[in-house]
Amino acid sequence: MFIDTHVHLNADQYDDDLKEVIERALQNNVTKMIVIGFDRKTIERAMALIEEYDFLYAVIGWHPVDAVDCTDEDLKWIEELSSHPKVVGIGETGLDYHWDKSPKEVQQEVFRKQIQLAKKVKLPIIIHNREATEDVLTILKEENAAEVGGVMHCFGGSVETAQVSIDMNFMISLGGPVTFKNAKKPKEVAEQIPLEHLLIETDAPYLAPHPYRGKRNEPSYVTLVAEEIARLKELPVEEVAKITTQNAEKFFKLNDSK
């Protein structure tokens, strides 16, 4: 069994064949999926999906690229929705210095507010980090994010950064890029970080793994991520599936009710 811990089934890219995409995931033993909502539209869709499918869960928050659009009213709404028993995290939030839609100081303010929100509602934080590692780690430390912990989503950093994150009560989640031929850092992380600290994800419809790179990603492909981690660790893929599934169920409390 596999769990895709970060997927955007609420994205427009699945408007025409969502049921088929979900069915393919189930046929590939992807038994649970966590749908990420990161603005008004995608949060509403995520909440609808977790009502429709008993094996889907949601993480809700505000994406750093769109931080400039985030209001206190939006954050209050997220807080209210977070009491739903199948909302299992706050995010994805963090910092993205690649795109320039939202100024850095605005991103940082909205990031801090979401960490504070996560601590208030006692849910883990799902981190989006692009070209902002130093500031992400600094803010997590300053806001004492270790209190609730979280996930470094689609981790692309160094083994050292992974270890710093683990020390702050964060899981390391690997996605499609670990399968890319030239992805030196994710492969090193997969090799060196113990399996009990790892999760697997697709970030679908984005970042499809090899051999589907450049095409639309989907949750059934999370098995390819697990296979690459197994290859790098010289373990049976069944072992990677078992441990990462246990990690996800324990960390997100997927078998608990609030």
C-alpha atoms as a PDB file:
ATOM      1  CA  MET A   1       0.000   0.000   0.000  1.00  0.00           C
ATOM      2  CA  PHE A   2       1.101   3.554  -0.747  1.00  0.00           C
ATOM      3  CA  ILE A   3      -0.052   6.965   0.474  1.00  0.00           C
ATOM      4  CA  ASP A   4       0.339  10.030  -1.741  1.00  0.00           C
ATOM      5  CA  THR A   5       0.844  12.699   0.921  1.00  0.00           C
ATOM      6  CA  HIS A   6       0.637  15.714  -1.410  1.00  0.00           C
ATOM      7  CA  VAL A   7      -1.606  15.800  -4.469  1.00  0.00           C
ATOM      8  CA  HIS A   8      -3.714  18.460  -6.173  1.00  0.00           C
ATOM      9  CA  LEU A   9      -6.730  16.424  -7.292  1.00  0.00           C
ATOM     10  CA  ASN A  10      -8.593  19.741  -7.002  1.00  0.00           C
ATOM     11  CA  ALA A  11      -6.621  21.197  -9.934  1.00  0.00           C
ATOM     12  CA  ASP A  12      -8.261  22.192 -13.229  1.00  0.00           C
ATOM     13  CA  GLN A  13      -6.051  19.629 -15.021  1.00  0.00           C
ATOM     14  CA  TYR A  14      -8.328  16.841 -13.719  1.00  0.00           C
ATOM     15  CA  ASP A  15     -11.657  18.415 -14.623  1.00  0.00           C
ATOM     16  CA  ASP A  16     -12.292  15.929 -17.447  1.00  0.00           C
ATOM     17  CA  ASP A  17     -11.213  12.632 -15.881  1.00  0.00           C
ATOM     18  CA  LEU A  18     -10.927  12.920 -12.109  1.00  0.00           C
ATOM     19  CA  LYS A  19     -12.779   9.678 -11.385  1.00  0.00           C
ATOM     20  CA  GLU A  20     -10.498   7.743 -13.752  1.00  0.00           C
ATOM     21  CA  VAL A  21      -7.383   9.293 -12.171  1.00  0.00           C
ATOM     22  CA  ILE A  22      -8.557   8.272  -8.703  1.00  0.00           C
ATOM     23  CA  GLU A  23      -9.457   4.785  -9.933  1.00  0.00           C
ATOM     24  CA  ARG A  24      -5.972   4.319 -11.448  1.00  0.00           C
ATOM     25  CA  ALA A  25      -4.436   5.309  -8.109  1.00  0.00           C
ATOM     26  CA  LEU A  26      -6.526   2.729  -6.250  1.00  0.00           C
ATOM     27  CA  GLN A  27      -5.652   0.046  -8.818  1.00  0.00           C
ATOM     28  CA  ASN A  28      -1.962   0.794  -8.126  1.00  0.00           C
ATOM     29  CA  ASN A  29      -2.470   0.289  -4.366  1.00  0.00           C
ATOM     30  CA  VAL A  30      -2.418   4.007  -3.559  1.00  0.00           C
ATOM     31  CA  THR A  31      -4.970   3.601  -0.787  1.00  0.00           C
ATOM     32  CA  LYS A  32      -5.019   7.123   0.679  1.00  0.00           C
ATOM     33  CA  MET A  33      -4.298  10.569  -0.754  1.00  0.00           C
ATOM     34  CA  ILE A  34      -3.939  13.975   0.863  1.00  0.00           C
ATOM     35  CA  VAL A  35      -5.376  16.777  -1.263  1.00  0.00           C
ATOM     36  CA  ILE A  36      -3.784  20.209  -0.881  1.00  0.00           C
ATOM     37  CA  GLY A  37      -5.871  23.383  -1.006  1.00  0.00           C
ATOM     38  CA  PHE A  38      -3.876  26.611  -1.191  1.00  0.00           C
ATOM     39  CA  ASP A  39      -6.386  29.364  -2.079  1.00  0.00           C
ATOM     40  CA  ARG A  40     -10.166  29.895  -1.933  1.00  0.00           C
ATOM     41  CA  LYS A  41     -10.979  27.849  -5.041  1.00  0.00           C
ATOM     42  CA  THR A  42      -8.723  24.882  -4.322  1.00  0.00           C
ATOM     43  CA  ILE A  43      -9.670  24.749  -0.624  1.00  0.00           C
ATOM     44  CA  GLU A  44     -13.371  24.623  -1.510  1.00  0.00           C
ATOM     45  CA  ARG A  45     -12.682  21.811  -3.985  1.00  0.00           C
ATOM     46  CA  ALA A  46     -10.536  19.922  -1.470  1.00  0.00           C
ATOM     47  CA  MET A  47     -13.285  20.101   1.156  1.00  0.00           C
ATOM     48  CA  ALA A  48     -15.822  18.772  -1.357  1.00  0.00           C
ATOM     49  CA  LEU A  49     -13.521  15.875  -2.317  1.00  0.00           C
ATOM     50  CA  ILE A  50     -12.947  14.700   1.266  1.00  0.00           C
ATOM     51  CA  GLU A  51     -16.713  14.562   1.729  1.00  0.00           C
ATOM     52  CA  GLU A  52     -17.129  12.487  -1.433  1.00  0.00           C
ATOM     53  CA  TYR A  53     -14.284   9.969  -0.956  1.00  0.00           C
ATOM     54  CA  ASP A  54     -13.572   8.315   2.382  1.00  0.00           C
ATOM     55  CA  PHE A  55      -9.883   7.671   1.505  1.00  0.00           C
ATOM     56  CA  LEU A  56      -9.120  11.325   0.716  1.00  0.00           C
ATOM     57  CA  TYR A  57      -7.903  13.839   3.312  1.00  0.00           C
ATOM     58  CA  ALA A  58      -7.154  17.552   3.052  1.00  0.00           C
ATOM     59  CA  VAL A  59      -4.454  20.034   3.959  1.00  0.00           C
ATOM     60  CA  ILE A  60      -5.567  23.657   3.696  1.00  0.00           C
ATOM     61  CA  GLY A  61      -3.614  26.900   3.727  1.00  0.00           C
ATOM     62  CA  TRP A  62      -2.343  29.725   1.541  1.00  0.00           C
ATOM     63  CA  HIS A  63       0.412  29.407  -1.047  1.00  0.00           C
ATOM     64  CA  PRO A  64       3.346  31.837  -0.698  1.00  0.00           C
ATOM     65  CA  VAL A  65       3.215  32.893  -4.353  1.00  0.00           C
ATOM     66  CA  ASP A  66      -0.302  34.234  -3.682  1.00  0.00           C
ATOM     67  CA  ALA A  67       0.456  35.626  -0.218  1.00  0.00           C
ATOM     68  CA  VAL A  68      -0.332  39.143  -1.434  1.00  0.00           C
ATOM     69  CA  ASP A  69      -3.967  38.041  -1.942  1.00  0.00           C
ATOM     70  CA  CYS A  70      -4.344  36.502   1.526  1.00  0.00           C
ATOM     71  CA  THR A  71      -6.522  38.393   4.003  1.00  0.00           C
ATOM     72  CA  ASP A  72      -7.134  37.905   7.715  1.00  0.00           C
ATOM     73  CA  GLU A  73     -10.633  36.836   6.716  1.00  0.00           C
ATOM     74  CA  ASP A  74      -9.135  34.046   4.582  1.00  0.00           C
ATOM     75  CA  LEU A  75      -7.031  32.842   7.508  1.00  0.00           C
ATOM     76  CA  LYS A  76     -10.056  32.896   9.816  1.00  0.00           C
ATOM     77  CA  TRP A  77     -11.952  30.793   7.260  1.00  0.00           C
ATOM     78  CA  ILE A  78      -9.076  28.288   7.100  1.00  0.00           C
ATOM     79  CA  GLU A  79      -9.064  28.117  10.899  1.00  0.00           C
ATOM     80  CA  GLU A  80     -12.795  27.341  10.952  1.00  0.00           C
ATOM     81  CA  LEU A  81     -12.477  24.640   8.272  1.00  0.00           C
ATOM     82  CA  SER A  82      -9.522  23.054  10.062  1.00  0.00           C
ATOM     83  CA  SER A  83     -11.849  21.586  12.687  1.00  0.00           C
ATOM     84  CA  HIS A  84     -13.133  19.126  10.054  1.00  0.00           C
ATOM     85  CA  PRO A  85     -11.990  15.634  11.108  1.00  0.00           C
ATOM     86  CA  LYS A  86     -10.411  14.963   7.702  1.00  0.00           C
ATOM     87  CA  VAL A  87      -8.359  18.175   7.584  1.00  0.00           C
ATOM     88  CA  VAL A  88      -4.943  16.909   8.650  1.00  0.00           C
ATOM     89  CA  GLY A  89      -2.584  19.864   8.161  1.00  0.00           C
ATOM     90  CA  ILE A  90      -2.106  23.562   7.413  1.00  0.00           C
ATOM     91  CA  GLY A  91      -0.484  24.513   4.103  1.00  0.00           C
ATOM     92  CA  GLU A  92       0.990  24.466   1.758  1.00  0.00           C
ATOM     93  CA  THR A  93       2.652  27.564   3.140  1.00  0.00           C
ATOM     94  CA  GLY A  94       6.226  28.795   3.195  1.00  0.00           C
ATOM     95  CA  LEU A  95       8.321  30.987   0.931  1.00  0.00           C
ATOM     96  CA  ASP A  96       8.841  31.116  -2.826  1.00  0.00           C
ATOM     97  CA  TYR A  97      11.498  33.557  -4.003  1.00  0.00           C
ATOM     98  CA  HIS A  98      11.439  32.277  -7.593  1.00  0.00           C
ATOM     99  CA  TRP A  99       8.292  34.145  -8.597  1.00  0.00           C
ATOM    100  CA  ASP A 100       7.880  37.827  -7.802  1.00  0.00           C
ATOM    101  CA  LYS A 101       4.094  38.132  -7.478  1.00  0.00           C
ATOM    102  CA  SER A 102       4.213  38.524  -3.672  1.00  0.00           C
ATOM    103  CA  PRO A 103       6.956  40.615  -1.998  1.00  0.00           C
ATOM    104  CA  LYS A 104       9.234  38.675   0.350  1.00  0.00           C
ATOM    105  CA  GLU A 105       8.093  40.573   3.432  1.00  0.00           C
ATOM    106  CA  VAL A 106       4.423  39.820   2.627  1.00  0.00           C
ATOM    107  CA  GLN A 107       5.223  36.130   2.123  1.00  0.00           C
ATOM    108  CA  GLN A 108       7.061  36.047   5.436  1.00  0.00           C
ATOM    109  CA  GLU A 109       4.195  37.685   7.308  1.00  0.00           C
ATOM    110  CA  VAL A 110       1.580  35.286   5.869  1.00  0.00           C
ATOM    111  CA  PHE A 111       3.914  32.343   6.566  1.00  0.00           C
ATOM    112  CA  ARG A 112       4.292  33.375  10.215  1.00  0.00           C
ATOM    113  CA  LYS A 113       0.534  33.783  10.591  1.00  0.00           C
ATOM    114  CA  GLN A 114      -0.059  30.281   9.250  1.00  0.00           C
ATOM    115  CA  ILE A 115       2.508  28.761  11.609  1.00  0.00           C
ATOM    116  CA  GLN A 116       0.722  30.505  14.484  1.00  0.00           C
ATOM    117  CA  LEU A 117      -2.607  29.210  13.145  1.00  0.00           C
ATOM    118  CA  ALA A 118      -1.255  25.651  12.913  1.00  0.00           C
ATOM    119  CA  LYS A 119      -0.084  25.816  16.514  1.00  0.00           C
ATOM    120  CA  LYS A 120      -3.482  27.158  17.594  1.00  0.00           C
ATOM    121  CA  VAL A 121      -5.397  24.328  15.907  1.00  0.00           C
ATOM    122  CA  LYS A 122      -2.672  21.761  16.688  1.00  0.00           C
ATOM    123  CA  LEU A 123      -2.077  20.580  13.132  1.00  0.00           C
ATOM    124  CA  PRO A 124       1.236  20.022  11.294  1.00  0.00           C
ATOM    125  CA  ILE A 125       2.500  22.552   8.735  1.00  0.00           C
ATOM    126  CA  ILE A 126       3.208  21.612   5.105  1.00  0.00           C
ATOM    127  CA  ILE A 127       6.120  23.673   3.783  1.00  0.00           C
ATOM    128  CA  HIS A 128       6.636  24.965   0.252  1.00  0.00           C
ATOM    129  CA  ASN A 129      10.219  26.202  -0.122  1.00  0.00           C
ATOM    130  CA  ARG A 130      11.649  27.529  -3.357  1.00  0.00           C
ATOM    131  CA  GLU A 131      14.985  29.348  -3.319  1.00  0.00           C
ATOM    132  CA  ALA A 132      14.351  30.453   0.284  1.00  0.00           C
ATOM    133  CA  THR A 133      15.833  27.759   2.546  1.00  0.00           C
ATOM    134  CA  GLU A 134      17.641  30.040   4.983  1.00  0.00           C
ATOM    135  CA  ASP A 135      14.600  32.256   5.590  1.00  0.00           C
ATOM    136  CA  VAL A 136      12.234  29.255   5.839  1.00  0.00           C
ATOM    137  CA  LEU A 137      14.362  27.608   8.534  1.00  0.00           C
ATOM    138  CA  THR A 138      14.857  30.887  10.404  1.00  0.00           C
ATOM    139  CA  ILE A 139      11.115  31.596  10.538  1.00  0.00           C
ATOM    140  CA  LEU A 140      10.301  28.018  11.584  1.00  0.00           C
ATOM    141  CA  LYS A 141      12.764  28.365  14.465  1.00  0.00           C
ATOM    142  CA  GLU A 142      11.605  31.830  15.494  1.00  0.00           C
ATOM    143  CA  GLU A 143       7.946  30.741  15.505  1.00  0.00           C
ATOM    144  CA  ASN A 144       8.734  27.492  17.348  1.00  0.00           C
ATOM    145  CA  ALA A 145       7.140  25.420  14.589  1.00  0.00           C
ATOM    146  CA  ALA A 146       8.646  22.284  16.164  1.00  0.00           C
ATOM    147  CA  GLU A 147       5.700  22.398  18.569  1.00  0.00           C
ATOM    148  CA  VAL A 148       3.463  20.916  15.851  1.00  0.00           C
ATOM    149  CA  GLY A 149       6.066  19.863  13.297  1.00  0.00           C
ATOM    150  CA  GLY A 150       5.273  19.341   9.668  1.00  0.00           C
ATOM    151  CA  VAL A 151       6.441  18.213   6.256  1.00  0.00           C
ATOM    152  CA  MET A 152       9.111  19.580   3.951  1.00  0.00           C
ATOM    153  CA  HIS A 153       7.101  19.018   0.786  1.00  0.00           C
ATOM    154  CA  CYS A 154       8.844  17.873  -2.395  1.00  0.00           C
ATOM    155  CA  PHE A 155      12.177  18.302  -0.663  1.00  0.00           C
ATOM    156  CA  GLY A 156      15.024  19.375  -2.923  1.00  0.00           C
ATOM    157  CA  GLY A 157      17.584  20.514  -0.366  1.00  0.00           C
ATOM    158  CA  SER A 158      20.750  18.993   1.028  1.00  0.00           C
ATOM    159  CA  VAL A 159      21.139  16.142   3.501  1.00  0.00           C
ATOM    160  CA  GLU A 160      22.280  18.741   6.063  1.00  0.00           C
ATOM    161  CA  THR A 161      19.109  20.829   5.588  1.00  0.00           C
ATOM    162  CA  ALA A 162      17.033  17.663   5.829  1.00  0.00           C
ATOM    163  CA  GLN A 163      18.657  16.834   9.155  1.00  0.00           C
ATOM    164  CA  VAL A 164      18.042  20.350  10.508  1.00  0.00           C
ATOM    165  CA  SER A 165      14.394  19.959   9.486  1.00  0.00           C
ATOM    166  CA  ILE A 166      14.107  16.537  11.139  1.00  0.00           C
ATOM    167  CA  ASP A 167      15.536  18.017  14.334  1.00  0.00           C
ATOM    168  CA  MET A 168      12.641  20.503  14.241  1.00  0.00           C
ATOM    169  CA  ASN A 169      10.053  17.683  14.118  1.00  0.00           C
ATOM    170  CA  PHE A 170       9.598  17.770  10.319  1.00  0.00           C
ATOM    171  CA  MET A 171       9.220  14.859   7.922  1.00  0.00           C
ATOM    172  CA  ILE A 172      11.029  14.876   4.576  1.00  0.00           C
ATOM    173  CA  SER A 173       8.759  14.204   1.607  1.00  0.00           C
ATOM    174  CA  LEU A 174      10.218  13.106  -1.723  1.00  0.00           C
ATOM    175  CA  GLY A 175       8.398  13.395  -5.037  1.00  0.00           C
ATOM    176  CA  GLY A 176       8.979  12.924  -8.747  1.00  0.00           C
ATOM    177  CA  PRO A 177      12.316  14.798  -8.899  1.00  0.00           C
ATOM    178  CA  VAL A 178      14.047  11.973  -6.975  1.00  0.00           C
ATOM    179  CA  THR A 179      13.608   9.891 -10.156  1.00  0.00           C
ATOM    180  CA  PHE A 180      15.281  12.480 -12.410  1.00  0.00           C
ATOM    181  CA  LYS A 181      18.687  11.441 -13.697  1.00  0.00           C
ATOM    182  CA  ASN A 182      20.387  14.715 -12.679  1.00  0.00           C
ATOM    183  CA  ALA A 183      18.656  15.119  -9.277  1.00  0.00           C
ATOM    184  CA  LYS A 184      21.772  14.792  -7.126  1.00  0.00           C
ATOM    185  CA  LYS A 185      20.425  16.236  -3.861  1.00  0.00           C
ATOM    186  CA  PRO A 186      17.114  14.335  -3.677  1.00  0.00           C
ATOM    187  CA  LYS A 187      18.946  11.087  -4.436  1.00  0.00           C
ATOM    188  CA  GLU A 188      21.478  11.775  -1.658  1.00  0.00           C
ATOM    189  CA  VAL A 189      18.631  12.506   0.753  1.00  0.00           C
ATOM    190  CA  ALA A 190      16.851   9.291  -0.270  1.00  0.00           C
ATOM    191  CA  GLU A 191      20.049   7.331   0.313  1.00  0.00           C
ATOM    192  CA  GLN A 192      21.148   8.895   3.599  1.00  0.00           C
ATOM    193  CA  ILE A 193      18.025   9.923   5.523  1.00  0.00           C
ATOM    194  CA  PRO A 194      16.537   6.997   7.478  1.00  0.00           C
ATOM    195  CA  LEU A 195      13.265   5.675   6.117  1.00  0.00           C
ATOM    196  CA  GLU A 196      11.371   6.528   9.328  1.00  0.00           C
ATOM    197  CA  HIS A 197      11.766  10.236   8.469  1.00  0.00           C
ATOM    198  CA  LEU A 198      10.536   9.954   4.870  1.00  0.00           C
ATOM    199  CA  LEU A 199       7.186  10.399   3.137  1.00  0.00           C
ATOM    200  CA  ILE A 200       6.344  10.003  -0.556  1.00  0.00           C
ATOM    201  CA  GLU A 201       4.218  12.268  -2.731  1.00  0.00           C
ATOM    202  CA  THR A 202       3.495  13.214  -6.325  1.00  0.00           C
ATOM    203  CA  ASP A 203       2.561  16.933  -6.173  1.00  0.00           C
ATOM    204  CA  ALA A 204       0.384  15.914  -9.126  1.00  0.00           C
ATOM    205  CA  PRO A 205      -0.475  17.273 -11.660  1.00  0.00           C
ATOM    206  CA  TYR A 206       3.038  18.785 -11.414  1.00  0.00           C
ATOM    207  CA  LEU A 207       6.525  17.225 -11.359  1.00  0.00           C
ATOM    208  CA  ALA A 208       5.749  13.872 -12.959  1.00  0.00           C
ATOM    209  CA  PRO A 209       8.435  11.252 -12.294  1.00  0.00           C
ATOM    210  CA  HIS A 210      10.556   9.586 -14.963  1.00  0.00           C
ATOM    211  CA  PRO A 211       9.510   8.272 -17.515  1.00  0.00           C
ATOM    212  CA  TYR A 212       6.534  10.671 -17.536  1.00  0.00           C
ATOM    213  CA  ARG A 213       8.578  13.824 -16.919  1.00  0.00           C
ATOM    214  CA  GLY A 214       6.983  16.829 -18.618  1.00  0.00           C
ATOM    215  CA  LYS A 215       3.565  15.172 -18.806  1.00  0.00           C
ATOM    216  CA  ARG A 216       0.625  15.518 -16.421  1.00  0.00           C
ATOM    217  CA  ASN A 217       1.394  13.779 -13.152  1.00  0.00           C
ATOM    218  CA  GLU A 218      -1.142  11.696 -11.232  1.00  0.00           C
ATOM    219  CA  PRO A 219      -1.233   9.896  -7.868  1.00  0.00           C
ATOM    220  CA  SER A 220      -0.770   6.407  -9.312  1.00  0.00           C
ATOM    221  CA  TYR A 221       2.796   7.464 -10.172  1.00  0.00           C
ATOM    222  CA  VAL A 222       3.754   7.709  -6.482  1.00  0.00           C
ATOM    223  CA  THR A 223       4.765   4.058  -6.833  1.00  0.00           C
ATOM    224  CA  LEU A 224       7.630   5.194  -9.107  1.00  0.00           C
ATOM    225  CA  VAL A 225       8.899   7.488  -6.342  1.00  0.00           C
ATOM    226  CA  ALA A 226       8.852   4.568  -3.904  1.00  0.00           C
ATOM    227  CA  GLU A 227      10.655   2.337  -6.413  1.00  0.00           C
ATOM    228  CA  GLU A 228      13.474   4.859  -6.836  1.00  0.00           C
ATOM    229  CA  ILE A 229      13.903   5.271  -3.067  1.00  0.00           C
ATOM    230  CA  ALA A 230      13.977   1.474  -2.760  1.00  0.00           C
ATOM    231  CA  ARG A 231      16.642   1.266  -5.475  1.00  0.00           C
ATOM    232  CA  LEU A 232      18.782   3.934  -3.813  1.00  0.00           C
ATOM    233  CA  LYS A 233      18.456   2.343  -0.374  1.00  0.00           C
ATOM    234  CA  GLU A 234      18.859  -1.184  -1.752  1.00  0.00           C
ATOM    235  CA  LEU A 235      15.605  -2.271  -0.122  1.00  0.00           C
ATOM    236  CA  PRO A 236      12.530  -4.073  -1.431  1.00  0.00           C
ATOM    237  CA  VAL A 237       9.917  -1.590  -2.634  1.00  0.00           C
ATOM    238  CA  GLU A 238       7.448  -3.337  -0.302  1.00  0.00           C
ATOM    239  CA  GLU A 239       9.536  -2.157   2.645  1.00  0.00           C
ATOM    240  CA  VAL A 240       9.521   1.450   1.419  1.00  0.00           C
ATOM    241  CA  ALA A 241       5.766   1.257   0.855  1.00  0.00           C
ATOM    242  CA  LYS A 242       5.161  -0.202   4.310  1.00  0.00           C
ATOM    243  CA  ILE A 243       7.308   2.261   6.276  1.00  0.00           C
ATOM    244  CA  THR A 244       6.279   5.414   4.392  1.00  0.00           C
ATOM    245  CA  THR A 245       2.621   4.393   4.755  1.00  0.00           C
ATOM    246  CA  GLN A 246       3.081   3.871   8.490  1.00  0.00           C
ATOM    247  CA  ASN A 247       4.876   7.222   8.706  1.00  0.00           C
ATOM    248  CA  ALA A 248       2.028   9.045   6.944  1.00  0.00           C
ATOM    249  CA  GLU A 249      -0.705   7.363   8.977  1.00  0.00           C
ATOM    250  CA  LYS A 250       1.052   8.128  12.248  1.00  0.00           C
ATOM    251  CA  PHE A 251       2.138  11.666  11.389  1.00  0.00           C
ATOM    252  CA  PHE A 252      -1.197  12.823   9.946  1.00  0.00           C
ATOM    253  CA  LYS A 253      -3.242  10.656  12.365  1.00  0.00           C
ATOM    254  CA  LEU A 254      -5.132   9.254   9.388  1.00  0.00           C
ATOM    255  CA  ASN A 255      -6.734   6.485  11.416  1.00  0.00           C
ATOM    256  CA  ASP A 256      -7.846   8.776  14.239  1.00  0.00           C
ATOM    257  CA  SER A 257     -10.977  10.835  14.543  1.00  0.00           C
ATOM    258  CA  LYS A 258     -10.860  14.293  16.053  1.00  0.00           C
END
